[in-house]
């Protein structure tokens, strides 16, 4: 059996699982909004570990992007401002941060 076929199947299954969990979380958020008027718990009712994770995630993502942009194999070459791979990673990180801040806001 071809290893590329196995890797592709695992990738498609993983992507399908991610989409399923995204839609399941969105459904749960809508139900929570209907019951309580809020999408998520208020900040003062969160446990300290949850608060720490909400604060730490943006710091880790920004630090990881800084490292990727400056020191990794994805860093732009001489004379380049960016390369497509780092632009996609930056876009995904930005969407993750926007989504997490939106969840805290609501």
C-alpha atoms as a PDB file:
ATOM      1  CA  UNK A   1       0.000   0.000   0.000  1.00  0.00           C
ATOM      2  CA  UNK A   2       1.244   3.465  -0.839  1.00  0.00           C
ATOM      3  CA  UNK A   3       2.305   5.560   2.167  1.00  0.00           C
ATOM      4  CA  UNK A   4       0.979   8.731   0.489  1.00  0.00           C
ATOM      5  CA  UNK A   5      -2.501   7.218   0.357  1.00  0.00           C
ATOM      6  CA  UNK A   6      -2.368   6.420   4.067  1.00  0.00           C
ATOM      7  CA  UNK A   7      -1.151   9.911   4.950  1.00  0.00           C
ATOM      8  CA  UNK A   8      -3.854  11.461   2.764  1.00  0.00           C
ATOM      9  CA  UNK A   9      -6.576   9.345   4.375  1.00  0.00           C
ATOM     10  CA  UNK A  10      -5.371  10.286   7.865  1.00  0.00           C
ATOM     11  CA  UNK A  11      -5.301  13.955   6.863  1.00  0.00           C
ATOM     12  CA  UNK A  12      -8.852  13.838   5.462  1.00  0.00           C
ATOM     13  CA  UNK A  13     -10.141  12.022   8.557  1.00  0.00           C
ATOM     14  CA  UNK A  14      -8.430  14.513  10.844  1.00  0.00           C
ATOM     15  CA  UNK A  15      -9.830  17.447   8.904  1.00  0.00           C
ATOM     16  CA  UNK A  16     -13.306  15.902   9.041  1.00  0.00           C
ATOM     17  CA  UNK A  17     -13.002  15.482  12.799  1.00  0.00           C
ATOM     18  CA  UNK A  18     -11.970  19.135  13.154  1.00  0.00           C
ATOM     19  CA  UNK A  19     -14.986  20.292  11.144  1.00  0.00           C
ATOM     20  CA  UNK A  20     -17.284  18.056  13.196  1.00  0.00           C
ATOM     21  CA  UNK A  21     -15.984  19.416  16.492  1.00  0.00           C
ATOM     22  CA  UNK A  22     -16.241  23.002  15.214  1.00  0.00           C
ATOM     23  CA  UNK A  23     -19.892  22.554  14.302  1.00  0.00           C
ATOM     24  CA  UNK A  24     -20.609  20.716  17.580  1.00  0.00           C
ATOM     25  CA  UNK A  25     -19.076  23.573  19.595  1.00  0.00           C
ATOM     26  CA  UNK A  26     -21.032  26.144  17.557  1.00  0.00           C
ATOM     27  CA  UNK A  27     -24.259  24.256  18.264  1.00  0.00           C
ATOM     28  CA  UNK A  28     -23.456  24.123  21.972  1.00  0.00           C
ATOM     29  CA  UNK A  29     -22.709  27.864  21.989  1.00  0.00           C
ATOM     30  CA  UNK A  30     -26.053  28.632  20.350  1.00  0.00           C
ATOM     31  CA  UNK A  31     -27.867  26.511  22.944  1.00  0.00           C
ATOM     32  CA  UNK A  32     -25.964  28.219  25.758  1.00  0.00           C
ATOM     33  CA  UNK A  33     -26.821  31.654  24.297  1.00  0.00           C
ATOM     34  CA  UNK A  34     -30.513  30.725  24.198  1.00  0.00           C
ATOM     35  CA  UNK A  35     -30.472  29.547  27.832  1.00  0.00           C
ATOM     36  CA  UNK A  36     -28.274  32.162  29.495  1.00  0.00           C
ATOM     37  CA  UNK A  37     -28.027  35.080  27.064  1.00  0.00           C
ATOM     38  CA  UNK A  38     -24.256  34.589  26.777  1.00  0.00           C
ATOM     39  CA  UNK A  39     -22.120  32.380  24.556  1.00  0.00           C
ATOM     40  CA  UNK A  40     -19.578  31.596  27.244  1.00  0.00           C
ATOM     41  CA  UNK A  41     -19.124  31.906  30.989  1.00  0.00           C
ATOM     42  CA  UNK A  42     -18.438  35.324  32.500  1.00  0.00           C
ATOM     43  CA  UNK A  43     -14.778  36.021  33.320  1.00  0.00           C
ATOM     44  CA  UNK A  44     -15.354  36.103  37.097  1.00  0.00           C
ATOM     45  CA  UNK A  45     -16.830  32.584  37.097  1.00  0.00           C
ATOM     46  CA  UNK A  46     -13.891  30.984  35.238  1.00  0.00           C
ATOM     47  CA  UNK A  47     -11.391  28.919  37.191  1.00  0.00           C
ATOM     48  CA  UNK A  48      -7.843  30.303  37.516  1.00  0.00           C
ATOM     49  CA  UNK A  49      -6.430  27.652  35.173  1.00  0.00           C
ATOM     50  CA  UNK A  50      -8.959  28.576  32.464  1.00  0.00           C
ATOM     51  CA  UNK A  51      -8.099  32.257  32.878  1.00  0.00           C
ATOM     52  CA  UNK A  52      -4.404  31.447  32.605  1.00  0.00           C
ATOM     53  CA  UNK A  53      -4.942  29.444  29.427  1.00  0.00           C
ATOM     54  CA  UNK A  54      -6.990  32.238  27.848  1.00  0.00           C
ATOM     55  CA  UNK A  55      -4.210  34.717  28.614  1.00  0.00           C
ATOM     56  CA  UNK A  56      -1.340  32.368  27.718  1.00  0.00           C
ATOM     57  CA  UNK A  57      -2.640  31.188  24.338  1.00  0.00           C
ATOM     58  CA  UNK A  58      -2.260  34.547  22.551  1.00  0.00           C
ATOM     59  CA  UNK A  59       1.211  34.988  24.061  1.00  0.00           C
ATOM     60  CA  UNK A  60       2.291  31.536  22.886  1.00  0.00           C
ATOM     61  CA  UNK A  61       0.860  32.040  19.379  1.00  0.00           C
ATOM     62  CA  UNK A  62       2.509  35.445  18.998  1.00  0.00           C
ATOM     63  CA  UNK A  63       5.823  34.050  20.268  1.00  0.00           C
ATOM     64  CA  UNK A  64       5.599  31.053  17.930  1.00  0.00           C
ATOM     65  CA  UNK A  65       4.845  33.296  14.945  1.00  0.00           C
ATOM     66  CA  UNK A  66       7.800  35.535  15.846  1.00  0.00           C
ATOM     67  CA  UNK A  67      10.068  32.480  16.003  1.00  0.00           C
ATOM     68  CA  UNK A  68       8.698  31.084  12.727  1.00  0.00           C
ATOM     69  CA  UNK A  69       9.138  34.423  10.978  1.00  0.00           C
ATOM     70  CA  UNK A  70      12.683  35.069  12.167  1.00  0.00           C
ATOM     71  CA  UNK A  71      14.440  31.785  12.895  1.00  0.00           C
ATOM     72  CA  UNK A  72      12.709  28.808  11.255  1.00  0.00           C
ATOM     73  CA  UNK A  73      12.819  27.302   7.793  1.00  0.00           C
ATOM     74  CA  UNK A  74       9.692  29.352   6.988  1.00  0.00           C
ATOM     75  CA  UNK A  75      11.508  32.644   7.487  1.00  0.00           C
ATOM     76  CA  UNK A  76      11.679  34.876   4.408  1.00  0.00           C
ATOM     77  CA  UNK A  77      14.854  34.861   2.364  1.00  0.00           C
ATOM     78  CA  UNK A  78      17.132  37.830   1.880  1.00  0.00           C
ATOM     79  CA  UNK A  79      15.275  40.705   0.286  1.00  0.00           C
ATOM     80  CA  UNK A  80      11.815  39.177   0.920  1.00  0.00           C
ATOM     81  CA  UNK A  81       9.239  40.652   3.263  1.00  0.00           C
ATOM     82  CA  UNK A  82       7.308  37.384   3.587  1.00  0.00           C
ATOM     83  CA  UNK A  83       6.777  34.053   1.890  1.00  0.00           C
ATOM     84  CA  UNK A  84       3.410  32.356   1.233  1.00  0.00           C
ATOM     85  CA  UNK A  85       3.858  29.709   3.930  1.00  0.00           C
ATOM     86  CA  UNK A  86       4.459  32.222   6.708  1.00  0.00           C
ATOM     87  CA  UNK A  87       1.537  34.332   5.431  1.00  0.00           C
ATOM     88  CA  UNK A  88      -0.812  31.334   5.724  1.00  0.00           C
ATOM     89  CA  UNK A  89       0.495  30.484   9.208  1.00  0.00           C
ATOM     90  CA  UNK A  90       0.072  34.117  10.266  1.00  0.00           C
ATOM     91  CA  UNK A  91      -3.476  34.187   8.909  1.00  0.00           C
ATOM     92  CA  UNK A  92      -4.401  31.005  10.786  1.00  0.00           C
ATOM     93  CA  UNK A  93      -2.862  32.346  14.004  1.00  0.00           C
ATOM     94  CA  UNK A  94      -4.742  35.637  13.566  1.00  0.00           C
ATOM     95  CA  UNK A  95      -8.048  33.817  13.048  1.00  0.00           C
ATOM     96  CA  UNK A  96      -7.375  31.734  16.154  1.00  0.00           C
ATOM     97  CA  UNK A  97      -6.676  34.827  18.231  1.00  0.00           C
ATOM     98  CA  UNK A  98      -9.734  36.665  16.910  1.00  0.00           C
ATOM     99  CA  UNK A  99     -11.913  33.650  17.661  1.00  0.00           C
ATOM    100  CA  UNK A 100     -10.577  33.296  21.192  1.00  0.00           C
ATOM    101  CA  UNK A 101     -11.059  37.000  21.945  1.00  0.00           C
ATOM    102  CA  UNK A 102     -14.582  36.826  20.508  1.00  0.00           C
ATOM    103  CA  UNK A 103     -15.377  33.893  22.790  1.00  0.00           C
ATOM    104  CA  UNK A 104     -14.166  35.820  25.836  1.00  0.00           C
ATOM    105  CA  UNK A 105     -16.088  38.936  24.795  1.00  0.00           C
ATOM    106  CA  UNK A 106     -19.378  37.100  24.491  1.00  0.00           C
END
